[in-house]
Amino acid sequence: MNREIFHGLGVALVTPFMENEAIDFAAVAKIVDNLVEGGVDYILVLGTTGETPTLSTDERKALIRFVRDRVAGRVRLMVGVGGNCTRDVVATLRSWDLRGYDAVLSVNPYYNKPTQEGLYQHFKAISEASPLPIMLYNIPGRTGVNMTPETIARLATDCDNIIGVKEASGNLEQMERVKALAPSDFLLISGDDGLNVEVIKRGGVGAISVLANAYPAETAEVIRLALNGDTEEAAKRLELLSGIISALFEEGNPVGVKTALHLKGVCSDTMRLPLVSGSEALQAKLKNLMTEYEK
């Protein structure tokens, strides 16, 4: 496949809910259109930013169909299919209709705490079952296990359809080692908004962003500048957003970004338990930060 389709800015799409906690598909449409018009390169559906663990199977399938139809080929699409039961992930990949999607993002198995060999075998099984190329997702802060550069490189070498990794370990030295060990065309993608420029400076090809749900054009410009080699200007633009980025994650993701979208009048800030809406303190803080940034 042409791996360059995942260079640039991807967005981990939120799932807006109405007050009764049903999916607000009108708001999904609004957010998707804002992202496309803001210049993002691809959209990730069913990432953890979309509160996927709280969605039913039917809801997940409905979102896949709805976003595919709404995007209508305007940007590329990636879909999150992961879990801590390898057999369930494999069964999903073999049975779901993923037409219109260009790749699968699959997160480290969480809670189980597998060894590196267990991680290798998990993703090797997913590789053999997947009808689409696979992007690994390494986020040890949420899953409880870190996938080492050696394991990532082993998977990249042994499985032709494992094309890259979304790295959210926060460890820049680890990311440099991934680039050193993996095949030259293996994609390194930032999974931390605050590190987007630093990851690109180390050979990354872009980011899958949370921030871009609320600030697509601004985030796209940061990524564009960095990929074009103007990392100094990109870092300046990102620094202007740094207060907002920090606030987005103070009470967990996607609580912060849904609060920001609510303040912008895009969607409700309704969450599904065990997550709850942003506190009054977070709302006030974000409102001040956003007002200052948008002056």
C-alpha atoms as a PDB file:
ATOM      1  CA  MET A   1       0.000   0.000   0.000  1.00  0.00           C
ATOM      2  CA  ASN A   2       0.964   3.662  -0.288  1.00  0.00           C
ATOM      3  CA  ARG A   3       2.057   4.417   3.271  1.00  0.00           C
ATOM      4  CA  GLU A   4       2.243   8.133   2.527  1.00  0.00           C
ATOM      5  CA  ILE A   5      -1.530   8.392   2.922  1.00  0.00           C
ATOM      6  CA  PHE A   6      -0.879   8.379   6.668  1.00  0.00           C
ATOM      7  CA  HIS A   7       1.651  11.184   6.573  1.00  0.00           C
ATOM      8  CA  GLY A   8       0.240  14.343   8.150  1.00  0.00           C
ATOM      9  CA  LEU A   9      -2.564  14.866  10.630  1.00  0.00           C
ATOM     10  CA  GLY A  10      -4.950  12.196  11.795  1.00  0.00           C
ATOM     11  CA  VAL A  11      -7.666  12.870  14.371  1.00  0.00           C
ATOM     12  CA  ALA A  12      -8.926  10.488  17.052  1.00  0.00           C
ATOM     13  CA  LEU A  13     -12.633  11.223  16.679  1.00  0.00           C
ATOM     14  CA  VAL A  14     -14.756  11.826  19.792  1.00  0.00           C
ATOM     15  CA  THR A  15     -18.193  10.215  20.089  1.00  0.00           C
ATOM     16  CA  PRO A  16     -20.702  12.930  21.053  1.00  0.00           C
ATOM     17  CA  PHE A  17     -23.714  11.881  23.083  1.00  0.00           C
ATOM     18  CA  MET A  18     -27.071  13.468  23.671  1.00  0.00           C
ATOM     19  CA  GLU A  19     -28.195  14.059  27.266  1.00  0.00           C
ATOM     20  CA  ASN A  20     -29.837  10.619  27.288  1.00  0.00           C
ATOM     21  CA  GLU A  21     -26.413   9.172  26.324  1.00  0.00           C
ATOM     22  CA  ALA A  22     -27.525   8.063  22.857  1.00  0.00           C
ATOM     23  CA  ILE A  23     -24.992   8.808  20.115  1.00  0.00           C
ATOM     24  CA  ASP A  24     -25.594  12.267  18.661  1.00  0.00           C
ATOM     25  CA  PHE A  25     -25.116  11.521  14.977  1.00  0.00           C
ATOM     26  CA  ALA A  26     -25.948  15.107  13.970  1.00  0.00           C
ATOM     27  CA  ALA A  27     -23.008  16.262  16.096  1.00  0.00           C
ATOM     28  CA  VAL A  28     -20.804  13.509  14.620  1.00  0.00           C
ATOM     29  CA  ALA A  29     -21.603  14.899  11.172  1.00  0.00           C
ATOM     30  CA  LYS A  30     -20.759  18.438  12.296  1.00  0.00           C
ATOM     31  CA  ILE A  31     -17.435  17.386  13.809  1.00  0.00           C
ATOM     32  CA  VAL A  32     -16.473  15.293  10.776  1.00  0.00           C
ATOM     33  CA  ASP A  33     -17.249  18.179   8.417  1.00  0.00           C
ATOM     34  CA  ASN A  34     -15.233  20.570  10.606  1.00  0.00           C
ATOM     35  CA  LEU A  35     -12.269  18.190  10.489  1.00  0.00           C
ATOM     36  CA  VAL A  36     -12.382  17.798   6.717  1.00  0.00           C
ATOM     37  CA  GLU A  37     -12.757  21.540   6.195  1.00  0.00           C
ATOM     38  CA  GLY A  38      -9.940  22.157   8.674  1.00  0.00           C
ATOM     39  CA  GLY A  39      -7.502  20.245   6.500  1.00  0.00           C
ATOM     40  CA  VAL A  40      -6.927  17.012   8.389  1.00  0.00           C
ATOM     41  CA  ASP A  41      -5.499  14.116   6.390  1.00  0.00           C
ATOM     42  CA  TYR A  42      -7.369  11.219   7.964  1.00  0.00           C
ATOM     43  CA  ILE A  43      -9.853  10.398  10.715  1.00  0.00           C
ATOM     44  CA  LEU A  44      -9.592   7.591  13.244  1.00  0.00           C
ATOM     45  CA  VAL A  45     -12.961   6.107  14.201  1.00  0.00           C
ATOM     46  CA  LEU A  46     -13.356   3.970  17.355  1.00  0.00           C
ATOM     47  CA  GLY A  47     -10.176   5.045  19.065  1.00  0.00           C
ATOM     48  CA  THR A  48     -10.228   5.300  22.843  1.00  0.00           C
ATOM     49  CA  THR A  49     -10.917   9.040  22.457  1.00  0.00           C
ATOM     50  CA  GLY A  50     -14.272   7.886  21.062  1.00  0.00           C
ATOM     51  CA  GLU A  51     -15.089   6.179  24.400  1.00  0.00           C
ATOM     52  CA  THR A  52     -15.082   2.897  22.525  1.00  0.00           C
ATOM     53  CA  PRO A  53     -15.055   0.707  25.659  1.00  0.00           C
ATOM     54  CA  THR A  54     -18.538   2.043  26.504  1.00  0.00           C
ATOM     55  CA  LEU A  55     -20.034   1.497  23.042  1.00  0.00           C
ATOM     56  CA  SER A  56     -22.038  -1.584  22.156  1.00  0.00           C
ATOM     57  CA  THR A  57     -21.120  -3.675  19.124  1.00  0.00           C
ATOM     58  CA  ASP A  58     -24.125  -2.309  17.241  1.00  0.00           C
ATOM     59  CA  GLU A  59     -23.109   1.263  18.077  1.00  0.00           C
ATOM     60  CA  ARG A  60     -19.569   0.653  16.864  1.00  0.00           C
ATOM     61  CA  LYS A  61     -20.821  -0.742  13.585  1.00  0.00           C
ATOM     62  CA  ALA A  62     -23.236   2.173  13.179  1.00  0.00           C
ATOM     63  CA  LEU A  63     -20.409   4.684  13.718  1.00  0.00           C
ATOM     64  CA  ILE A  64     -18.203   2.932  11.173  1.00  0.00           C
ATOM     65  CA  ARG A  65     -20.966   3.153   8.573  1.00  0.00           C
ATOM     66  CA  PHE A  66     -22.016   6.699   9.434  1.00  0.00           C
ATOM     67  CA  VAL A  67     -18.547   8.229   9.336  1.00  0.00           C
ATOM     68  CA  ARG A  68     -17.663   6.375   6.131  1.00  0.00           C
ATOM     69  CA  ASP A  69     -20.797   7.700   4.451  1.00  0.00           C
ATOM     70  CA  ARG A  70     -20.344  11.228   5.815  1.00  0.00           C
ATOM     71  CA  VAL A  71     -16.706  11.457   4.770  1.00  0.00           C
ATOM     72  CA  ALA A  72     -17.609  10.096   1.322  1.00  0.00           C
ATOM     73  CA  GLY A  73     -13.986   9.773   0.255  1.00  0.00           C
ATOM     74  CA  ARG A  74     -12.950  13.315   1.219  1.00  0.00           C
ATOM     75  CA  VAL A  75     -10.192  12.079   3.565  1.00  0.00           C
ATOM     76  CA  ARG A  76      -8.713   8.715   4.469  1.00  0.00           C
ATOM     77  CA  LEU A  77     -10.152   6.622   7.291  1.00  0.00           C
ATOM     78  CA  MET A  78      -8.647   4.451  10.009  1.00  0.00           C
ATOM     79  CA  VAL A  79     -10.627   2.274  12.416  1.00  0.00           C
ATOM     80  CA  GLY A  80      -9.723   1.163  15.925  1.00  0.00           C
ATOM     81  CA  VAL A  81      -9.995  -2.592  16.469  1.00  0.00           C
ATOM     82  CA  GLY A  82      -8.191  -3.788  19.574  1.00  0.00           C
ATOM     83  CA  GLY A  83      -8.658  -5.492  22.895  1.00  0.00           C
ATOM     84  CA  ASN A  84      -7.193  -7.769  25.494  1.00  0.00           C
ATOM     85  CA  CYS A  85      -8.676 -10.967  24.065  1.00  0.00           C
ATOM     86  CA  THR A  86      -6.810 -11.857  20.887  1.00  0.00           C
ATOM     87  CA  ARG A  87      -9.511 -14.245  19.713  1.00  0.00           C
ATOM     88  CA  ASP A  88     -12.174 -11.537  19.937  1.00  0.00           C
ATOM     89  CA  VAL A  89     -10.065  -9.045  17.979  1.00  0.00           C
ATOM     90  CA  VAL A  90      -9.381 -11.647  15.296  1.00  0.00           C
ATOM     91  CA  ALA A  91     -13.077 -12.535  15.067  1.00  0.00           C
ATOM     92  CA  THR A  92     -14.003  -8.859  14.702  1.00  0.00           C
ATOM     93  CA  LEU A  93     -11.488  -8.304  11.916  1.00  0.00           C
ATOM     94  CA  ARG A  94     -12.771 -11.341  10.044  1.00  0.00           C
ATOM     95  CA  SER A  95     -16.474 -10.525  10.357  1.00  0.00           C
ATOM     96  CA  TRP A  96     -16.968  -6.739  10.317  1.00  0.00           C
ATOM     97  CA  ASP A  97     -17.609  -4.728   7.172  1.00  0.00           C
ATOM     98  CA  LEU A  98     -14.602  -2.412   6.981  1.00  0.00           C
ATOM     99  CA  ARG A  99     -15.075  -1.297   3.405  1.00  0.00           C
ATOM    100  CA  GLY A 100     -14.062   2.327   2.915  1.00  0.00           C
ATOM    101  CA  TYR A 101     -11.382   2.154   5.605  1.00  0.00           C
ATOM    102  CA  ASP A 102      -7.684   2.237   4.830  1.00  0.00           C
ATOM    103  CA  ALA A 103      -6.081   0.787   7.973  1.00  0.00           C
ATOM    104  CA  VAL A 104      -6.701  -0.616  11.441  1.00  0.00           C
ATOM    105  CA  LEU A 105      -5.285   0.900  14.630  1.00  0.00           C
ATOM    106  CA  SER A 106      -4.828  -1.770  17.278  1.00  0.00           C
ATOM    107  CA  VAL A 107      -3.913  -0.924  20.857  1.00  0.00           C
ATOM    108  CA  ASN A 108      -1.731  -2.922  23.231  1.00  0.00           C
ATOM    109  CA  PRO A 109      -3.751  -5.486  25.182  1.00  0.00           C
ATOM    110  CA  TYR A 110      -4.676  -3.794  28.445  1.00  0.00           C
ATOM    111  CA  TYR A 111      -4.831  -5.165  32.003  1.00  0.00           C
ATOM    112  CA  ASN A 112      -3.471  -8.629  31.096  1.00  0.00           C
ATOM    113  CA  LYS A 113       0.130  -7.360  31.111  1.00  0.00           C
ATOM    114  CA  PRO A 114       1.519  -9.811  28.528  1.00  0.00           C
ATOM    115  CA  THR A 115       5.248 -10.342  28.034  1.00  0.00           C
ATOM    116  CA  GLN A 116       6.953  -9.017  24.915  1.00  0.00           C
ATOM    117  CA  GLU A 117       6.522 -12.470  23.367  1.00  0.00           C
ATOM    118  CA  GLY A 118       2.823 -12.325  24.219  1.00  0.00           C
ATOM    119  CA  LEU A 119       2.560  -8.922  22.535  1.00  0.00           C
ATOM    120  CA  TYR A 120       4.358 -10.254  19.483  1.00  0.00           C
ATOM    121  CA  GLN A 121       2.056 -13.268  19.179  1.00  0.00           C
ATOM    122  CA  HIS A 122      -1.053 -11.104  19.760  1.00  0.00           C
ATOM    123  CA  PHE A 123      -0.240  -8.714  16.952  1.00  0.00           C
ATOM    124  CA  LYS A 124       1.029 -11.482  14.675  1.00  0.00           C
ATOM    125  CA  ALA A 125      -2.390 -13.159  14.975  1.00  0.00           C
ATOM    126  CA  ILE A 126      -4.090  -9.830  14.245  1.00  0.00           C
ATOM    127  CA  SER A 127      -1.815  -9.341  11.238  1.00  0.00           C
ATOM    128  CA  GLU A 128      -2.830 -12.719   9.827  1.00  0.00           C
ATOM    129  CA  ALA A 129      -6.547 -11.975  10.271  1.00  0.00           C
ATOM    130  CA  SER A 130      -6.728  -8.346   9.164  1.00  0.00           C
ATOM    131  CA  PRO A 131      -8.040  -7.402   5.713  1.00  0.00           C
ATOM    132  CA  LEU A 132      -6.371  -3.986   6.135  1.00  0.00           C
ATOM    133  CA  PRO A 133      -2.901  -2.705   7.019  1.00  0.00           C
ATOM    134  CA  ILE A 134      -2.281  -2.372  10.749  1.00  0.00           C
ATOM    135  CA  MET A 135      -1.010   0.518  12.824  1.00  0.00           C
ATOM    136  CA  LEU A 136       0.202  -0.527  16.264  1.00  0.00           C
ATOM    137  CA  TYR A 137      -0.766   1.680  19.202  1.00  0.00           C
ATOM    138  CA  ASN A 138       1.648   1.812  22.118  1.00  0.00           C
ATOM    139  CA  ILE A 139       0.197   3.661  25.119  1.00  0.00           C
ATOM    140  CA  PRO A 140       1.588   2.095  28.309  1.00  0.00           C
ATOM    141  CA  GLY A 141       0.009   4.715  30.586  1.00  0.00           C
ATOM    142  CA  ARG A 142      -3.432   3.337  29.728  1.00  0.00           C
ATOM    143  CA  THR A 143      -2.690  -0.307  29.017  1.00  0.00           C
ATOM    144  CA  GLY A 144      -0.160  -1.109  31.733  1.00  0.00           C
ATOM    145  CA  VAL A 145       2.373  -2.560  29.301  1.00  0.00           C
ATOM    146  CA  ASN A 146       5.010  -0.965  27.084  1.00  0.00           C
ATOM    147  CA  MET A 147       5.827  -2.481  23.702  1.00  0.00           C
ATOM    148  CA  THR A 148       9.588  -2.220  23.323  1.00  0.00           C
ATOM    149  CA  PRO A 149      11.305  -0.971  20.159  1.00  0.00           C
ATOM    150  CA  GLU A 150      12.680  -4.466  19.655  1.00  0.00           C
ATOM    151  CA  THR A 151       9.196  -5.994  19.641  1.00  0.00           C
ATOM    152  CA  ILE A 152       7.865  -3.261  17.355  1.00  0.00           C
ATOM    153  CA  ALA A 153      10.743  -3.784  14.936  1.00  0.00           C
ATOM    154  CA  ARG A 154      10.280  -7.554  15.023  1.00  0.00           C
ATOM    155  CA  LEU A 155       6.610  -7.187  14.105  1.00  0.00           C
ATOM    156  CA  ALA A 156       7.411  -4.650  11.387  1.00  0.00           C
ATOM    157  CA  THR A 157       9.968  -7.014   9.886  1.00  0.00           C
ATOM    158  CA  ASP A 158       7.942 -10.232  10.137  1.00  0.00           C
ATOM    159  CA  CYS A 159       4.478  -8.872   9.199  1.00  0.00           C
ATOM    160  CA  ASP A 160       4.306  -6.981   5.915  1.00  0.00           C
ATOM    161  CA  ASN A 161       0.931  -5.446   6.729  1.00  0.00           C
ATOM    162  CA  ILE A 162       2.067  -3.894  10.031  1.00  0.00           C
ATOM    163  CA  ILE A 163       2.966  -0.487   8.653  1.00  0.00           C
ATOM    164  CA  GLY A 164       3.582   1.778  11.637  1.00  0.00           C
ATOM    165  CA  VAL A 165       3.094   2.662  15.269  1.00  0.00           C
ATOM    166  CA  LYS A 166       1.194   5.407  17.056  1.00  0.00           C
ATOM    167  CA  GLU A 167       3.611   6.105  19.894  1.00  0.00           C
ATOM    168  CA  ALA A 168       2.142   7.530  23.076  1.00  0.00           C
ATOM    169  CA  SER A 169       4.743   6.329  25.551  1.00  0.00           C
ATOM    170  CA  GLY A 170       6.103   9.864  25.944  1.00  0.00           C
ATOM    171  CA  ASN A 171       9.608   8.415  25.641  1.00  0.00           C
ATOM    172  CA  LEU A 172      11.433  10.183  22.800  1.00  0.00           C
ATOM    173  CA  GLU A 173      14.504   7.971  23.170  1.00  0.00           C
ATOM    174  CA  GLN A 174      12.303   4.924  22.659  1.00  0.00           C
ATOM    175  CA  MET A 175      10.878   6.484  19.497  1.00  0.00           C
ATOM    176  CA  GLU A 176      14.378   7.143  18.162  1.00  0.00           C
ATOM    177  CA  ARG A 177      15.212   3.488  18.757  1.00  0.00           C
ATOM    178  CA  VAL A 178      12.065   2.400  16.876  1.00  0.00           C
ATOM    179  CA  LYS A 179      13.281   4.416  13.890  1.00  0.00           C
ATOM    180  CA  ALA A 180      16.736   2.873  14.188  1.00  0.00           C
ATOM    181  CA  LEU A 181      15.537  -0.738  14.391  1.00  0.00           C
ATOM    182  CA  ALA A 182      12.432  -0.889  12.171  1.00  0.00           C
ATOM    183  CA  PRO A 183      12.445  -0.987   8.358  1.00  0.00           C
ATOM    184  CA  SER A 184      13.016   2.419   6.759  1.00  0.00           C
ATOM    185  CA  ASP A 185       9.432   2.722   5.507  1.00  0.00           C
ATOM    186  CA  PHE A 186       7.889   1.946   8.904  1.00  0.00           C
ATOM    187  CA  LEU A 187       5.719   4.855  10.064  1.00  0.00           C
ATOM    188  CA  LEU A 188       6.309   6.575  13.399  1.00  0.00           C
ATOM    189  CA  ILE A 189       3.278   8.656  14.399  1.00  0.00           C
ATOM    190  CA  SER A 190       2.966  10.869  17.455  1.00  0.00           C
ATOM    191  CA  GLY A 191       0.212  10.012  19.907  1.00  0.00           C
ATOM    192  CA  ASP A 192       0.860  12.946  22.272  1.00  0.00           C
ATOM    193  CA  ASP A 193      -0.243  16.397  21.107  1.00  0.00           C
ATOM    194  CA  GLY A 194       2.415  18.130  23.166  1.00  0.00           C
ATOM    195  CA  LEU A 195       5.195  16.100  21.534  1.00  0.00           C
ATOM    196  CA  ASN A 196       4.055  16.324  17.903  1.00  0.00           C
ATOM    197  CA  VAL A 197       6.916  18.521  16.727  1.00  0.00           C
ATOM    198  CA  GLU A 198       9.573  16.641  18.693  1.00  0.00           C
ATOM    199  CA  VAL A 199       8.413  13.319  17.248  1.00  0.00           C
ATOM    200  CA  ILE A 200       8.522  14.695  13.700  1.00  0.00           C
ATOM    201  CA  LYS A 201      12.047  16.003  14.356  1.00  0.00           C
ATOM    202  CA  ARG A 202      12.990  12.394  15.167  1.00  0.00           C
ATOM    203  CA  GLY A 203      11.613  10.953  11.953  1.00  0.00           C
ATOM    204  CA  GLY A 204       7.901  10.889  12.674  1.00  0.00           C
ATOM    205  CA  VAL A 205       5.517  11.383   9.763  1.00  0.00           C
ATOM    206  CA  GLY A 206       2.711  13.134  11.649  1.00  0.00           C
ATOM    207  CA  ALA A 207       0.294  12.710  14.525  1.00  0.00           C
ATOM    208  CA  ILE A 208      -3.012  11.225  15.552  1.00  0.00           C
ATOM    209  CA  SER A 209      -4.391  14.088  17.586  1.00  0.00           C
ATOM    210  CA  VAL A 210      -7.002  14.682  20.279  1.00  0.00           C
ATOM    211  CA  LEU A 211      -6.590  18.459  20.171  1.00  0.00           C
ATOM    212  CA  ALA A 212      -7.568  18.580  16.492  1.00  0.00           C
ATOM    213  CA  ASN A 213     -11.178  17.697  17.331  1.00  0.00           C
ATOM    214  CA  ALA A 214     -11.457  21.279  18.602  1.00  0.00           C
ATOM    215  CA  TYR A 215      -8.661  22.969  16.623  1.00  0.00           C
ATOM    216  CA  PRO A 216      -8.264  21.099  13.325  1.00  0.00           C
ATOM    217  CA  ALA A 217      -6.870  23.887  11.139  1.00  0.00           C
ATOM    218  CA  GLU A 218      -4.441  25.080  13.808  1.00  0.00           C
ATOM    219  CA  THR A 219      -3.151  21.567  14.504  1.00  0.00           C
ATOM    220  CA  ALA A 220      -2.893  20.806  10.793  1.00  0.00           C
ATOM    221  CA  GLU A 221      -0.731  23.917  10.331  1.00  0.00           C
ATOM    222  CA  VAL A 222       1.640  22.811  13.120  1.00  0.00           C
ATOM    223  CA  ILE A 223       2.050  19.415  11.480  1.00  0.00           C
ATOM    224  CA  ARG A 224       2.461  20.900   7.999  1.00  0.00           C
ATOM    225  CA  LEU A 225       5.164  23.298   9.148  1.00  0.00           C
ATOM    226  CA  ALA A 226       7.049  20.569  10.992  1.00  0.00           C
ATOM    227  CA  LEU A 227       6.915  18.126   8.081  1.00  0.00           C
ATOM    228  CA  ASN A 228       8.133  20.877   5.752  1.00  0.00           C
ATOM    229  CA  GLY A 229      11.188  21.350   7.951  1.00  0.00           C
ATOM    230  CA  ASP A 230      10.159  24.575   9.699  1.00  0.00           C
ATOM    231  CA  THR A 231      10.203  22.978  13.128  1.00  0.00           C
ATOM    232  CA  GLU A 232      11.018  26.260  14.862  1.00  0.00           C
ATOM    233  CA  GLU A 233       7.823  27.935  13.659  1.00  0.00           C
ATOM    234  CA  ALA A 234       5.852  24.735  14.268  1.00  0.00           C
ATOM    235  CA  ALA A 235       7.103  24.656  17.855  1.00  0.00           C
ATOM    236  CA  LYS A 236       6.064  28.292  18.347  1.00  0.00           C
ATOM    237  CA  ARG A 237       2.557  27.552  17.071  1.00  0.00           C
ATOM    238  CA  LEU A 238       2.308  24.480  19.282  1.00  0.00           C
ATOM    239  CA  GLU A 239       3.509  26.426  22.319  1.00  0.00           C
ATOM    240  CA  LEU A 240       0.585  28.824  21.900  1.00  0.00           C
ATOM    241  CA  LEU A 241      -1.707  25.809  22.331  1.00  0.00           C
ATOM    242  CA  SER A 242       0.254  24.220  25.178  1.00  0.00           C
ATOM    243  CA  GLY A 243      -1.998  25.508  27.965  1.00  0.00           C
ATOM    244  CA  ILE A 244      -5.077  24.146  26.229  1.00  0.00           C
ATOM    245  CA  ILE A 245      -3.351  20.815  25.569  1.00  0.00           C
ATOM    246  CA  SER A 246      -2.441  20.432  29.238  1.00  0.00           C
ATOM    247  CA  ALA A 247      -5.974  21.303  30.343  1.00  0.00           C
ATOM    248  CA  LEU A 248      -7.495  18.774  27.925  1.00  0.00           C
ATOM    249  CA  PHE A 249      -5.901  15.922  29.849  1.00  0.00           C
ATOM    250  CA  GLU A 250      -6.258  17.162  33.438  1.00  0.00           C
ATOM    251  CA  GLU A 251      -9.408  15.123  34.053  1.00  0.00           C
ATOM    252  CA  GLY A 252      -8.719  12.417  31.507  1.00  0.00           C
ATOM    253  CA  ASN A 253      -9.343  11.965  27.822  1.00  0.00           C
ATOM    254  CA  PRO A 254     -11.816  12.644  26.217  1.00  0.00           C
ATOM    255  CA  VAL A 255     -13.330  14.631  29.108  1.00  0.00           C
ATOM    256  CA  GLY A 256     -11.222  17.682  28.310  1.00  0.00           C
ATOM    257  CA  VAL A 257     -11.744  17.772  24.572  1.00  0.00           C
ATOM    258  CA  LYS A 258     -15.489  17.228  24.954  1.00  0.00           C
ATOM    259  CA  THR A 259     -15.526  20.152  27.366  1.00  0.00           C
ATOM    260  CA  ALA A 260     -13.742  22.260  24.749  1.00  0.00           C
ATOM    261  CA  LEU A 261     -16.174  21.200  22.024  1.00  0.00           C
ATOM    262  CA  HIS A 262     -19.097  22.006  24.308  1.00  0.00           C
ATOM    263  CA  LEU A 263     -17.676  25.474  24.969  1.00  0.00           C
ATOM    264  CA  LYS A 264     -17.434  25.942  21.207  1.00  0.00           C
ATOM    265  CA  GLY A 265     -21.092  24.955  20.823  1.00  0.00           C
ATOM    266  CA  VAL A 266     -20.277  21.889  18.743  1.00  0.00           C
ATOM    267  CA  CYS A 267     -21.701  19.134  20.949  1.00  0.00           C
ATOM    268  CA  SER A 268     -22.754  18.202  24.465  1.00  0.00           C
ATOM    269  CA  ASP A 269     -20.130  17.396  27.087  1.00  0.00           C
ATOM    270  CA  THR A 270     -22.092  14.278  28.107  1.00  0.00           C
ATOM    271  CA  MET A 271     -19.916  11.280  28.970  1.00  0.00           C
ATOM    272  CA  ARG A 272     -20.737   7.660  29.687  1.00  0.00           C
ATOM    273  CA  LEU A 273     -19.784   6.251  33.057  1.00  0.00           C
ATOM    274  CA  PRO A 274     -17.287   5.632  34.468  1.00  0.00           C
ATOM    275  CA  LEU A 275     -16.233   8.968  32.905  1.00  0.00           C
ATOM    276  CA  VAL A 276     -18.095  12.111  33.968  1.00  0.00           C
ATOM    277  CA  SER A 277     -18.334  15.571  32.446  1.00  0.00           C
ATOM    278  CA  GLY A 278     -15.611  18.101  33.136  1.00  0.00           C
ATOM    279  CA  SER A 279     -15.750  19.890  36.458  1.00  0.00           C
ATOM    280  CA  GLU A 280     -16.755  23.526  36.780  1.00  0.00           C
ATOM    281  CA  ALA A 281     -13.107  24.326  37.467  1.00  0.00           C
ATOM    282  CA  LEU A 282     -12.010  22.662  34.212  1.00  0.00           C
ATOM    283  CA  GLN A 283     -14.746  24.417  32.249  1.00  0.00           C
ATOM    284  CA  ALA A 284     -13.689  27.788  33.624  1.00  0.00           C
ATOM    285  CA  LYS A 285     -10.016  27.085  32.970  1.00  0.00           C
ATOM    286  CA  LEU A 286     -10.575  25.954  29.403  1.00  0.00           C
ATOM    287  CA  LYS A 287     -12.905  28.858  28.695  1.00  0.00           C
ATOM    288  CA  ASN A 288     -10.225  31.313  29.797  1.00  0.00           C
ATOM    289  CA  LEU A 289      -7.469  29.550  27.869  1.00  0.00           C
ATOM    290  CA  MET A 290      -9.543  29.272  24.708  1.00  0.00           C
ATOM    291  CA  THR A 291     -10.647  32.906  24.893  1.00  0.00           C
ATOM    292  CA  GLU A 292      -7.038  34.025  25.306  1.00  0.00           C
ATOM    293  CA  TYR A 293      -5.827  31.813  22.438  1.00  0.00           C
ATOM    294  CA  GLU A 294      -8.573  32.954  20.067  1.00  0.00           C
ATOM    295  CA  LYS A 295      -7.992  36.701  20.633  1.00  0.00           C
END
